[in-house]
C-alpha atoms as a PDB file:
ATOM      1  CA  MET A   1       0.000   0.000   0.000  1.00  0.00           C
ATOM      2  CA  LEU A   2       1.356   3.428  -0.995  1.00  0.00           C
ATOM      3  CA  PHE A   3       1.275   6.296   1.494  1.00  0.00           C
ATOM      4  CA  PRO A   4       1.567   9.361  -0.783  1.00  0.00           C
ATOM      5  CA  LEU A   5       2.368  11.959   1.888  1.00  0.00           C
ATOM      6  CA  SER A   6       5.349  10.029   3.246  1.00  0.00           C
ATOM      7  CA  GLY A   7       6.260   8.420  -0.089  1.00  0.00           C
ATOM      8  CA  ILE A   8       6.608   4.907   1.326  1.00  0.00           C
ATOM      9  CA  THR A   9       5.009   1.578   0.425  1.00  0.00           C
ATOM     10  CA  VAL A  10       4.181  -0.864   3.223  1.00  0.00           C
ATOM     11  CA  ASP A  11       1.535  -3.490   4.038  1.00  0.00           C
ATOM     12  CA  PRO A  12      -1.243  -1.778   6.055  1.00  0.00           C
ATOM     13  CA  TRP A  13      -1.082  -4.398   8.842  1.00  0.00           C
ATOM     14  CA  LEU A  14       2.593  -3.774   9.617  1.00  0.00           C
ATOM     15  CA  PRO A  15       2.425  -0.273  11.223  1.00  0.00           C
ATOM     16  CA  PRO A  16      -0.267  -1.169  13.810  1.00  0.00           C
ATOM     17  CA  PHE A  17       1.398  -4.503  14.581  1.00  0.00           C
ATOM     18  CA  VAL A  18       4.826  -2.954  15.192  1.00  0.00           C
ATOM     19  CA  ALA A  19       3.269  -0.164  17.263  1.00  0.00           C
ATOM     20  CA  PHE A  20       1.315  -2.664  19.379  1.00  0.00           C
ATOM     21  CA  VAL A  21       4.391  -4.719  20.261  1.00  0.00           C
ATOM     22  CA  ILE A  22       6.546  -1.686  21.049  1.00  0.00           C
ATOM     23  CA  SER A  23       3.958   0.224  23.071  1.00  0.00           C
ATOM     24  CA  PHE A  24       2.943  -2.793  25.167  1.00  0.00           C
ATOM     25  CA  PHE A  25       6.384  -2.981  26.725  1.00  0.00           C
ATOM     26  CA  THR A  26       7.414   0.679  26.710  1.00  0.00           C
ATOM     27  CA  SER A  27       4.170   2.020  28.237  1.00  0.00           C
ATOM     28  CA  MET A  28       5.001   0.204  31.486  1.00  0.00           C
ATOM     29  CA  GLY A  29       7.849   2.660  31.961  1.00  0.00           C
ATOM     30  CA  GLY A  30       5.979   5.781  30.864  1.00  0.00           C
ATOM     31  CA  ILE A  31       7.247   5.688  27.274  1.00  0.00           C
ATOM     32  CA  SER A  32       4.759   5.925  24.418  1.00  0.00           C
ATOM     33  CA  GLY A  33       6.917   3.911  22.037  1.00  0.00           C
ATOM     34  CA  ALA A  34       7.517   6.799  19.632  1.00  0.00           C
ATOM     35  CA  PHE A  35      11.186   6.718  20.636  1.00  0.00           C
ATOM     36  CA  LEU A  36      11.510   3.320  18.927  1.00  0.00           C
ATOM     37  CA  LEU A  37       9.007   3.963  16.150  1.00  0.00           C
ATOM     38  CA  LEU A  38      11.149   6.811  14.825  1.00  0.00           C
ATOM     39  CA  PRO A  39      14.201   4.599  14.077  1.00  0.00           C
ATOM     40  CA  PHE A  40      11.802   2.011  12.606  1.00  0.00           C
ATOM     41  CA  GLN A  41      10.369   4.585  10.211  1.00  0.00           C
ATOM     42  CA  LEU A  42      13.780   5.995   9.329  1.00  0.00           C
ATOM     43  CA  SER A  43      15.697   2.738   8.906  1.00  0.00           C
ATOM     44  CA  VAL A  44      13.072   0.127   7.945  1.00  0.00           C
ATOM     45  CA  LEU A  45      10.414   2.126   6.091  1.00  0.00           C
ATOM     46  CA  GLY A  46      12.833   4.674   4.644  1.00  0.00           C
ATOM     47  CA  TYR A  47      10.697   7.612   5.823  1.00  0.00           C
ATOM     48  CA  THR A  48      13.286  10.394   6.219  1.00  0.00           C
ATOM     49  CA  HIS A  49      11.347  13.615   5.530  1.00  0.00           C
ATOM     50  CA  PRO A  50      10.906  16.180   8.347  1.00  0.00           C
ATOM     51  CA  SER A  51       7.239  15.105   8.481  1.00  0.00           C
ATOM     52  CA  VAL A  52       8.327  11.846  10.122  1.00  0.00           C
ATOM     53  CA  SER A  53       8.557  13.847  13.368  1.00  0.00           C
ATOM     54  CA  SER A  54       4.987  15.137  13.143  1.00  0.00           C
ATOM     55  CA  THR A  55       3.735  11.688  12.076  1.00  0.00           C
ATOM     56  CA  ASN A  56       5.370  10.227  15.160  1.00  0.00           C
ATOM     57  CA  GLN A  57       3.612  12.799  17.321  1.00  0.00           C
ATOM     58  CA  LEU A  58       0.305  11.978  15.629  1.00  0.00           C
ATOM     59  CA  TYR A  59       0.874   8.375  16.740  1.00  0.00           C
ATOM     60  CA  ASN A  60       1.197   9.649  20.319  1.00  0.00           C
ATOM     61  CA  ILE A  61      -2.117  11.514  20.092  1.00  0.00           C
ATOM     62  CA  VAL A  62      -4.023   8.412  19.005  1.00  0.00           C
ATOM     63  CA  ALA A  63      -2.244   5.862  21.200  1.00  0.00           C
ATOM     64  CA  ILE A  64      -1.609   7.526  24.556  1.00  0.00           C
ATOM     65  CA  PRO A  65      -5.167   8.193  25.882  1.00  0.00           C
ATOM     66  CA  SER A  66      -5.822   4.483  26.489  1.00  0.00           C
ATOM     67  CA  GLY A  67      -2.754   4.181  28.723  1.00  0.00           C
ATOM     68  CA  VAL A  68      -3.517   7.422  30.570  1.00  0.00           C
ATOM     69  CA  TYR A  69      -7.083   6.235  31.177  1.00  0.00           C
ATOM     70  CA  ARG A  70      -5.821   3.018  32.722  1.00  0.00           C
ATOM     71  CA  TYR A  71      -3.412   4.776  35.082  1.00  0.00           C
ATOM     72  CA  CYS A  72      -6.164   7.210  36.124  1.00  0.00           C
ATOM     73  CA  LYS A  73      -8.598   4.376  36.764  1.00  0.00           C
ATOM     74  CA  GLU A  74      -6.111   2.619  39.038  1.00  0.00           C
ATOM     75  CA  GLY A  75      -5.308   5.789  41.025  1.00  0.00           C
ATOM     76  CA  ARG A  76      -1.694   6.044  39.910  1.00  0.00           C
ATOM     77  CA  MET A  77      -1.847   9.360  38.054  1.00  0.00           C
ATOM     78  CA  VAL A  78       0.036  12.163  39.844  1.00  0.00           C
ATOM     79  CA  TRP A  79      -1.748  15.125  38.267  1.00  0.00           C
ATOM     80  CA  PRO A  80       0.443  17.917  39.733  1.00  0.00           C
ATOM     81  CA  LEU A  81       3.498  16.101  38.369  1.00  0.00           C
ATOM     82  CA  ALA A  82       1.794  15.594  34.998  1.00  0.00           C
ATOM     83  CA  TRP A  83       0.972  19.295  34.628  1.00  0.00           C
ATOM     84  CA  ALA A  84       4.482  20.297  35.699  1.00  0.00           C
ATOM     85  CA  VAL A  85       5.811  18.061  32.930  1.00  0.00           C
ATOM     86  CA  VAL A  86       3.383  19.594  30.408  1.00  0.00           C
ATOM     87  CA  ILE A  87       4.188  23.213  31.309  1.00  0.00           C
ATOM     88  CA  GLY A  88       7.923  22.572  31.183  1.00  0.00           C
ATOM     89  CA  THR A  89       7.899  20.544  27.961  1.00  0.00           C
ATOM     90  CA  LEU A  90       5.452  22.539  25.824  1.00  0.00           C
ATOM     91  CA  PRO A  91       7.654  25.549  24.950  1.00  0.00           C
ATOM     92  CA  GLY A  92      10.578  23.217  24.280  1.00  0.00           C
ATOM     93  CA  VAL A  93       8.515  21.177  21.804  1.00  0.00           C
ATOM     94  CA  LEU A  94       7.611  24.285  19.802  1.00  0.00           C
ATOM     95  CA  ILE A  95      11.248  25.402  19.714  1.00  0.00           C
ATOM     96  CA  GLY A  96      12.275  21.900  18.666  1.00  0.00           C
ATOM     97  CA  ALA A  97       9.803  21.904  15.775  1.00  0.00           C
ATOM     98  CA  VAL A  98      11.291  25.138  14.419  1.00  0.00           C
ATOM     99  CA  VAL A  99      14.838  23.787  14.785  1.00  0.00           C
ATOM    100  CA  ARG A 100      13.865  20.536  13.024  1.00  0.00           C
ATOM    101  CA  VAL A 101      12.528  22.328   9.947  1.00  0.00           C
ATOM    102  CA  THR A 102      15.009  25.200   9.701  1.00  0.00           C
ATOM    103  CA  GLY A 103      18.301  23.974  11.093  1.00  0.00           C
ATOM    104  CA  LEU A 104      18.316  20.182  11.375  1.00  0.00           C
ATOM    105  CA  ARG A 105      16.797  18.781   8.221  1.00  0.00           C
ATOM    106  CA  ASP A 106      19.722  16.358   8.317  1.00  0.00           C
ATOM    107  CA  PRO A 107      19.956  15.782  12.109  1.00  0.00           C
ATOM    108  CA  ARG A 108      23.144  13.676  12.042  1.00  0.00           C
ATOM    109  CA  HIS A 109      25.115  15.763  14.517  1.00  0.00           C
ATOM    110  CA  PHE A 110      22.189  16.324  16.824  1.00  0.00           C
ATOM    111  CA  LYS A 111      21.614  12.557  16.933  1.00  0.00           C
ATOM    112  CA  LEU A 112      25.122  12.212  18.338  1.00  0.00           C
ATOM    113  CA  PHE A 113      24.339  14.785  21.039  1.00  0.00           C
ATOM    114  CA  ALA A 114      21.075  13.015  21.879  1.00  0.00           C
ATOM    115  CA  ALA A 115      22.882   9.674  22.008  1.00  0.00           C
ATOM    116  CA  VAL A 116      25.404  11.018  24.541  1.00  0.00           C
ATOM    117  CA  VAL A 117      22.620  12.352  26.776  1.00  0.00           C
ATOM    118  CA  ILE A 118      20.635   9.123  26.603  1.00  0.00           C
ATOM    119  CA  LEU A 119      23.727   7.006  27.177  1.00  0.00           C
ATOM    120  CA  TYR A 120      24.591   9.031  30.288  1.00  0.00           C
ATOM    121  CA  ILE A 121      21.109   8.508  31.726  1.00  0.00           C
ATOM    122  CA  ALA A 122      21.229   4.781  30.958  1.00  0.00           C
ATOM    123  CA  LEU A 123      24.618   4.340  32.635  1.00  0.00           C
ATOM    124  CA  LYS A 124      23.454   6.260  35.703  1.00  0.00           C
ATOM    125  CA  MET A 125      20.368   4.065  35.947  1.00  0.00           C
ATOM    126  CA  ILE A 126      22.524   0.931  35.638  1.00  0.00           C
ATOM    127  CA  LYS A 127      24.700   2.185  38.480  1.00  0.00           C
ATOM    128  CA  ASP A 128      21.581   2.877  40.545  1.00  0.00           C
ATOM    129  CA  LEU A 129      20.244  -0.630  39.931  1.00  0.00           C
ATOM    130  CA  ARG A 130      23.535  -2.276  40.846  1.00  0.00           C
ATOM    131  CA  ARG A 131      24.296  -0.419  44.054  1.00  0.00           C
ATOM    132  CA  ARG A 132      20.851  -0.642  45.683  1.00  0.00           C
ATOM    133  CA  PRO A 133      19.532  -4.193  45.190  1.00  0.00           C
ATOM    134  CA  ALA A 134      18.595  -4.613  48.862  1.00  0.00           C
ATOM    135  CA  GLU A 135      16.712  -1.326  48.964  1.00  0.00           C
ATOM    136  CA  ALA A 136      14.867  -2.136  45.730  1.00  0.00           C
ATOM    137  CA  ALA A 137      13.888  -5.543  47.029  1.00  0.00           C
ATOM    138  CA  ALA A 138      12.576  -4.051  50.257  1.00  0.00           C
ATOM    139  CA  ALA A 139      10.551  -1.474  48.352  1.00  0.00           C
ATOM    140  CA  SER A 140       8.877  -4.157  46.260  1.00  0.00           C
ATOM    141  CA  LYS A 141       8.488  -6.452  49.325  1.00  0.00           C
ATOM    142  CA  GLY A 142       9.683  -9.448  47.348  1.00  0.00           C
ATOM    143  CA  GLY A 143       7.344  -8.939  44.406  1.00  0.00           C
ATOM    144  CA  PRO A 144       5.620  -6.529  42.055  1.00  0.00           C
ATOM    145  CA  LEU A 145       2.885  -4.056  42.830  1.00  0.00           C
ATOM    146  CA  ALA A 146       0.346  -6.796  42.215  1.00  0.00           C
ATOM    147  CA  ALA A 147       1.211  -8.250  45.612  1.00  0.00           C
ATOM    148  CA  THR A 148      -0.563  -5.345  47.325  1.00  0.00           C
ATOM    149  CA  TYR A 149      -2.771  -4.072  44.531  1.00  0.00           C
ATOM    150  CA  GLY A 150      -6.200  -3.143  45.808  1.00  0.00           C
ATOM    151  CA  ASN A 151      -4.999  -1.807  49.164  1.00  0.00           C
ATOM    152  CA  PRO A 152      -4.974   1.942  49.949  1.00  0.00           C
ATOM    153  CA  GLY A 153      -1.181   2.029  49.737  1.00  0.00           C
ATOM    154  CA  THR A 154      -1.217   1.249  46.004  1.00  0.00           C
ATOM    155  CA  THR A 155      -2.876   4.528  45.045  1.00  0.00           C
ATOM    156  CA  VAL A 156      -1.318   7.991  45.011  1.00  0.00           C
ATOM    157  CA  THR A 157      -2.235  10.510  47.730  1.00  0.00           C
ATOM    158  CA  ILE A 158      -1.220  14.125  47.127  1.00  0.00           C
ATOM    159  CA  THR A 159       0.158  15.693  50.330  1.00  0.00           C
ATOM    160  CA  HIS A 160       1.068  19.166  49.056  1.00  0.00           C
ATOM    161  CA  ARG A 161       1.357  21.081  45.803  1.00  0.00           C
ATOM    162  CA  ASN A 162       2.414  24.658  45.163  1.00  0.00           C
ATOM    163  CA  LEU A 163       4.601  26.621  42.765  1.00  0.00           C
ATOM    164  CA  LYS A 164       7.763  25.349  44.473  1.00  0.00           C
ATOM    165  CA  ARG A 165       7.200  21.739  45.563  1.00  0.00           C
ATOM    166  CA  ILE A 166       5.038  18.708  44.788  1.00  0.00           C
ATOM    167  CA  GLY A 167       4.591  15.971  47.386  1.00  0.00           C
ATOM    168  CA  TYR A 168       2.687  12.697  47.515  1.00  0.00           C
ATOM    169  CA  THR A 169       2.646   9.299  49.206  1.00  0.00           C
ATOM    170  CA  PHE A 170       2.651   5.884  47.555  1.00  0.00           C
ATOM    171  CA  GLN A 171       2.939   2.447  49.185  1.00  0.00           C
ATOM    172  CA  GLY A 172       3.716   4.029  52.553  1.00  0.00           C
ATOM    173  CA  GLU A 173       6.578   6.181  51.216  1.00  0.00           C
ATOM    174  CA  SER A 174       6.615   9.989  50.875  1.00  0.00           C
ATOM    175  CA  TYR A 175       8.056  11.790  47.856  1.00  0.00           C
ATOM    176  CA  ASP A 176       8.833  15.488  47.400  1.00  0.00           C
ATOM    177  CA  VAL A 177      10.192  17.134  44.229  1.00  0.00           C
ATOM    178  CA  SER A 178      11.062  20.619  43.016  1.00  0.00           C
ATOM    179  CA  VAL A 179       8.700  22.127  40.445  1.00  0.00           C
ATOM    180  CA  MET A 180      11.507  24.309  39.090  1.00  0.00           C
ATOM    181  CA  GLY A 181      13.829  21.313  38.677  1.00  0.00           C
ATOM    182  CA  ILE A 182      11.205  19.360  36.771  1.00  0.00           C
ATOM    183  CA  GLY A 183      10.397  22.401  34.629  1.00  0.00           C
ATOM    184  CA  VAL A 184      14.013  22.968  33.554  1.00  0.00           C
ATOM    185  CA  LEU A 185      14.488  19.273  32.783  1.00  0.00           C
ATOM    186  CA  CYS A 186      11.284  19.075  30.764  1.00  0.00           C
ATOM    187  CA  PHE A 187      12.098  22.228  28.775  1.00  0.00           C
ATOM    188  CA  ILE A 188      15.378  20.687  27.585  1.00  0.00           C
ATOM    189  CA  VAL A 189      13.698  17.350  26.913  1.00  0.00           C
ATOM    190  CA  GLY A 190      10.912  19.139  25.040  1.00  0.00           C
ATOM    191  CA  ILE A 191      13.389  20.602  22.526  1.00  0.00           C
ATOM    192  CA  ILE A 192      14.795  17.137  21.814  1.00  0.00           C
ATOM    193  CA  GLY A 193      11.300  15.675  21.631  1.00  0.00           C
ATOM    194  CA  GLY A 194      10.095  18.429  19.301  1.00  0.00           C
ATOM    195  CA  ILE A 195      12.937  17.800  16.873  1.00  0.00           C
ATOM    196  CA  TYR A 196      12.518  14.053  16.666  1.00  0.00           C
ATOM    197  CA  GLY A 197       8.815  13.751  17.372  1.00  0.00           C
ATOM    198  CA  ILE A 198       9.263  11.456  20.366  1.00  0.00           C
ATOM    199  CA  GLY A 199       7.267  13.508  22.850  1.00  0.00           C
ATOM    200  CA  GLY A 200      10.079  13.348  25.398  1.00  0.00           C
ATOM    201  CA  GLY A 201       8.677  10.604  27.625  1.00  0.00           C
ATOM    202  CA  ALA A 202      11.555   8.278  26.809  1.00  0.00           C
ATOM    203  CA  ILE A 203      13.902  10.760  28.500  1.00  0.00           C
ATOM    204  CA  ILE A 204      11.564  12.286  31.091  1.00  0.00           C
ATOM    205  CA  ALA A 205      10.585   8.988  32.709  1.00  0.00           C
ATOM    206  CA  PRO A 206      14.155   7.725  33.356  1.00  0.00           C
ATOM    207  CA  PHE A 207      15.186  11.184  34.625  1.00  0.00           C
ATOM    208  CA  LEU A 208      12.296  11.326  37.078  1.00  0.00           C
ATOM    209  CA  VAL A 209      13.138   7.834  38.326  1.00  0.00           C
ATOM    210  CA  THR A 210      16.918   8.212  38.499  1.00  0.00           C
ATOM    211  CA  PHE A 211      17.568  11.849  39.411  1.00  0.00           C
ATOM    212  CA  PHE A 212      14.409  12.676  41.368  1.00  0.00           C
ATOM    213  CA  GLY A 213      14.044   9.237  43.024  1.00  0.00           C
ATOM    214  CA  LEU A 214      10.363   8.820  42.131  1.00  0.00           C
ATOM    215  CA  PRO A 215       8.814   5.327  41.849  1.00  0.00           C
ATOM    216  CA  VAL A 216       8.315   4.173  38.265  1.00  0.00           C
ATOM    217  CA  TYR A 217       4.741   3.063  39.094  1.00  0.00           C
ATOM    218  CA  THR A 218       3.750   6.718  39.642  1.00  0.00           C
ATOM    219  CA  VAL A 219       5.963   8.291  36.967  1.00  0.00           C
ATOM    220  CA  ALA A 220       4.587   6.357  33.994  1.00  0.00           C
ATOM    221  CA  GLY A 221       1.154   7.990  33.883  1.00  0.00           C
ATOM    222  CA  ALA A 222       2.500  11.543  34.292  1.00  0.00           C
ATOM    223  CA  ALA A 223       5.138  11.026  31.591  1.00  0.00           C
ATOM    224  CA  LEU A 224       2.548   9.673  29.153  1.00  0.00           C
ATOM    225  CA  MET A 225       0.163  12.548  29.889  1.00  0.00           C
ATOM    226  CA  GLY A 226       2.907  15.083  29.289  1.00  0.00           C
ATOM    227  CA  THR A 227       3.839  13.372  26.036  1.00  0.00           C
ATOM    228  CA  PHE A 228       0.213  13.441  24.874  1.00  0.00           C
ATOM    229  CA  VAL A 229      -0.356  17.164  25.439  1.00  0.00           C
ATOM    230  CA  THR A 230       2.945  18.203  23.902  1.00  0.00           C
ATOM    231  CA  SER A 231       2.357  15.921  20.911  1.00  0.00           C
ATOM    232  CA  VAL A 232      -0.962  17.681  20.237  1.00  0.00           C
ATOM    233  CA  ALA A 233       0.881  20.997  20.242  1.00  0.00           C
ATOM    234  CA  GLY A 234       3.601  19.568  18.018  1.00  0.00           C
ATOM    235  CA  VAL A 235       1.192  18.250  15.376  1.00  0.00           C
ATOM    236  CA  VAL A 236      -0.742  21.529  15.331  1.00  0.00           C
ATOM    237  CA  PHE A 237       2.473  23.525  14.992  1.00  0.00           C
ATOM    238  CA  TYR A 238       3.970  21.339  12.245  1.00  0.00           C
ATOM    239  CA  THR A 239       0.688  21.520  10.316  1.00  0.00           C
ATOM    240  CA  ALA A 240       0.514  25.307  10.722  1.00  0.00           C
ATOM    241  CA  ILE A 241       4.038  25.934   9.424  1.00  0.00           C
ATOM    242  CA  ALA A 242       3.827  23.400   6.561  1.00  0.00           C
ATOM    243  CA  PRO A 243       2.587  26.032   4.014  1.00  0.00           C
ATOM    244  CA  LEU A 244       5.715  28.073   4.751  1.00  0.00           C
ATOM    245  CA  TYR A 245       7.899  25.228   3.424  1.00  0.00           C
ATOM    246  CA  PRO A 246       6.160  23.983   0.246  1.00  0.00           C
ATOM    247  CA  GLN A 247       9.363  22.304  -0.931  1.00  0.00           C
ATOM    248  CA  LEU A 248       9.441  20.065   2.165  1.00  0.00           C
ATOM    249  CA  SER A 249       7.178  17.374   3.592  1.00  0.00           C
ATOM    250  CA  VAL A 250       6.402  18.896   7.001  1.00  0.00           C
ATOM    251  CA  ALA A 251       2.768  18.070   7.888  1.00  0.00           C
ATOM    252  CA  PRO A 252       2.088  14.563   9.271  1.00  0.00           C
ATOM    253  CA  ASP A 253       1.113  11.587   7.133  1.00  0.00           C
ATOM    254  CA  TRP A 254      -2.318  11.231   8.721  1.00  0.00           C
ATOM    255  CA  LEU A 255      -3.138   7.727   7.481  1.00  0.00           C
ATOM    256  CA  LEU A 256       0.217   6.264   8.510  1.00  0.00           C
ATOM    257  CA  GLY A 257       0.152   8.038  11.883  1.00  0.00           C
ATOM    258  CA  ILE A 258      -3.365   6.801  12.643  1.00  0.00           C
ATOM    259  CA  LEU A 259      -2.440   3.204  11.738  1.00  0.00           C
ATOM    260  CA  PHE A 260       0.529   3.396  14.099  1.00  0.00           C
ATOM    261  CA  GLY A 261      -1.714   4.989  16.708  1.00  0.00           C
ATOM    262  CA  LEU A 262      -4.399   2.286  16.597  1.00  0.00           C
ATOM    263  CA  GLY A 263      -1.823  -0.404  17.293  1.00  0.00           C
ATOM    264  CA  GLY A 264      -0.271   1.727  19.999  1.00  0.00           C
ATOM    265  CA  MET A 265      -3.672   2.348  21.607  1.00  0.00           C
ATOM    266  CA  ALA A 266      -4.217  -1.371  22.191  1.00  0.00           C
ATOM    267  CA  GLY A 267      -0.612  -1.938  23.271  1.00  0.00           C
ATOM    268  CA  MET A 268      -0.610   0.924  25.780  1.00  0.00           C
ATOM    269  CA  TYR A 269      -3.863  -0.083  27.405  1.00  0.00           C
ATOM    270  CA  LEU A 270      -2.628  -3.642  27.945  1.00  0.00           C
ATOM    271  CA  GLY A 271       0.815  -2.424  29.013  1.00  0.00           C
ATOM    272  CA  ALA A 272      -0.636  -0.038  31.603  1.00  0.00           C
ATOM    273  CA  ARG A 273      -2.897  -2.788  32.884  1.00  0.00           C
ATOM    274  CA  CYS A 274      -0.067  -5.325  33.158  1.00  0.00           C
ATOM    275  CA  GLN A 275       2.441  -2.888  34.710  1.00  0.00           C
ATOM    276  CA  LYS A 276       1.305  -3.641  38.249  1.00  0.00           C
ATOM    277  CA  PHE A 277       2.295  -7.293  37.773  1.00  0.00           C
ATOM    278  CA  VAL A 278       5.889  -6.459  36.791  1.00  0.00           C
ATOM    279  CA  PRO A 279       8.612  -5.660  39.388  1.00  0.00           C
ATOM    280  CA  ALA A 280       9.938  -2.099  39.323  1.00  0.00           C
ATOM    281  CA  ARG A 281      13.507  -3.315  38.755  1.00  0.00           C
ATOM    282  CA  ALA A 282      12.403  -5.198  35.652  1.00  0.00           C
ATOM    283  CA  ILE A 283      10.744  -2.059  34.263  1.00  0.00           C
ATOM    284  CA  LYS A 284      13.869  -0.012  34.978  1.00  0.00           C
ATOM    285  CA  GLY A 285      15.966  -2.686  33.267  1.00  0.00           C
ATOM    286  CA  MET A 286      13.716  -2.475  30.226  1.00  0.00           C
ATOM    287  CA  LEU A 287      14.185   1.305  30.109  1.00  0.00           C
ATOM    288  CA  VAL A 288      17.956   0.822  30.217  1.00  0.00           C
ATOM    289  CA  VAL A 289      17.887  -1.635  27.311  1.00  0.00           C
ATOM    290  CA  ILE A 290      15.747   0.737  25.234  1.00  0.00           C
ATOM    291  CA  MET A 291      18.021   3.698  25.905  1.00  0.00           C
ATOM    292  CA  LEU A 292      21.254   1.792  25.288  1.00  0.00           C
ATOM    293  CA  GLY A 293      19.967   0.350  22.021  1.00  0.00           C
ATOM    294  CA  THR A 294      18.784   3.702  20.728  1.00  0.00           C
ATOM    295  CA  ALA A 295      21.941   5.553  21.795  1.00  0.00           C
ATOM    296  CA  LEU A 296      24.243   2.986  20.199  1.00  0.00           C
ATOM    297  CA  LYS A 297      22.200   3.055  17.007  1.00  0.00           C
ATOM    298  CA  TYR A 298      22.518   6.827  16.738  1.00  0.00           C
ATOM    299  CA  ILE A 299      26.265   6.674  17.427  1.00  0.00           C
ATOM    300  CA  LEU A 300      26.774   4.051  14.715  1.00  0.00           C
ATOM    301  CA  GLU A 301      24.767   6.139  12.256  1.00  0.00           C
ATOM    302  CA  PHE A 302      26.962   9.135  13.036  1.00  0.00           C
ATOM    303  CA  LEU A 303      30.167   7.124  12.521  1.00  0.00           C
ATOM    304  CA  LYS A 304      28.927   5.882   9.157  1.00  0.00           C
END
């Protein structure tokens, strides 16, 4: 089947199938899957136009609501954290979209920069996993969240929220984070996400877990929600500026993005539902594998 806007030919069943498999696993860690769909589109489908970024964000818009709904239903959505992520990321996404179209049509060098950042986060998370096995085991009480699911301690309780700090309790532990720190992080991540159309969740979630010490069970929903809102802004912005660049493919390929999104919708819902049965260390390990694979891929592409 030919997709005229992107200029690629692919069987219509392949995009939703690939998106389903990717999003099922990545949504457990607060990642929409767009971070892996982008290399798939670039390397496998041969979709290299700037519009691949907006198409990737269109996938986020269609796919993410099912995962967010599941986290909300199970009481694991930290709304103050989600809105802090949105407010910090949104301006960065718009800046990233402009940079993608005007300055990084061939983003080879920026991929190297992104790879270094991602690799640093992955190595820090590996160090965190290796040096605190006893603490991680105690936190999970010998098993995943499913062991206590249904008790009051498995839902999030907001203790305080203001312009400076956000605090909440989860599974008997208290957490407190700086709004300013999250905002600065998300602004930087938003620029990267706006350029590549990944929404930023693939970087935000590991940062919140590793540098802010937040439990992955409560980070996933907020990261997905932030990715959804910023992806809406990204698609709108790419579509609005497309007439200014008639020689380029800037606006999303709507049919391809929706096909990816439908597969991602099913994968995210099941992933969010199954997350509570998976130990936190296993989810963190999955995030590490995803980041290492993507970083090494970008480095190899740069060296070529």
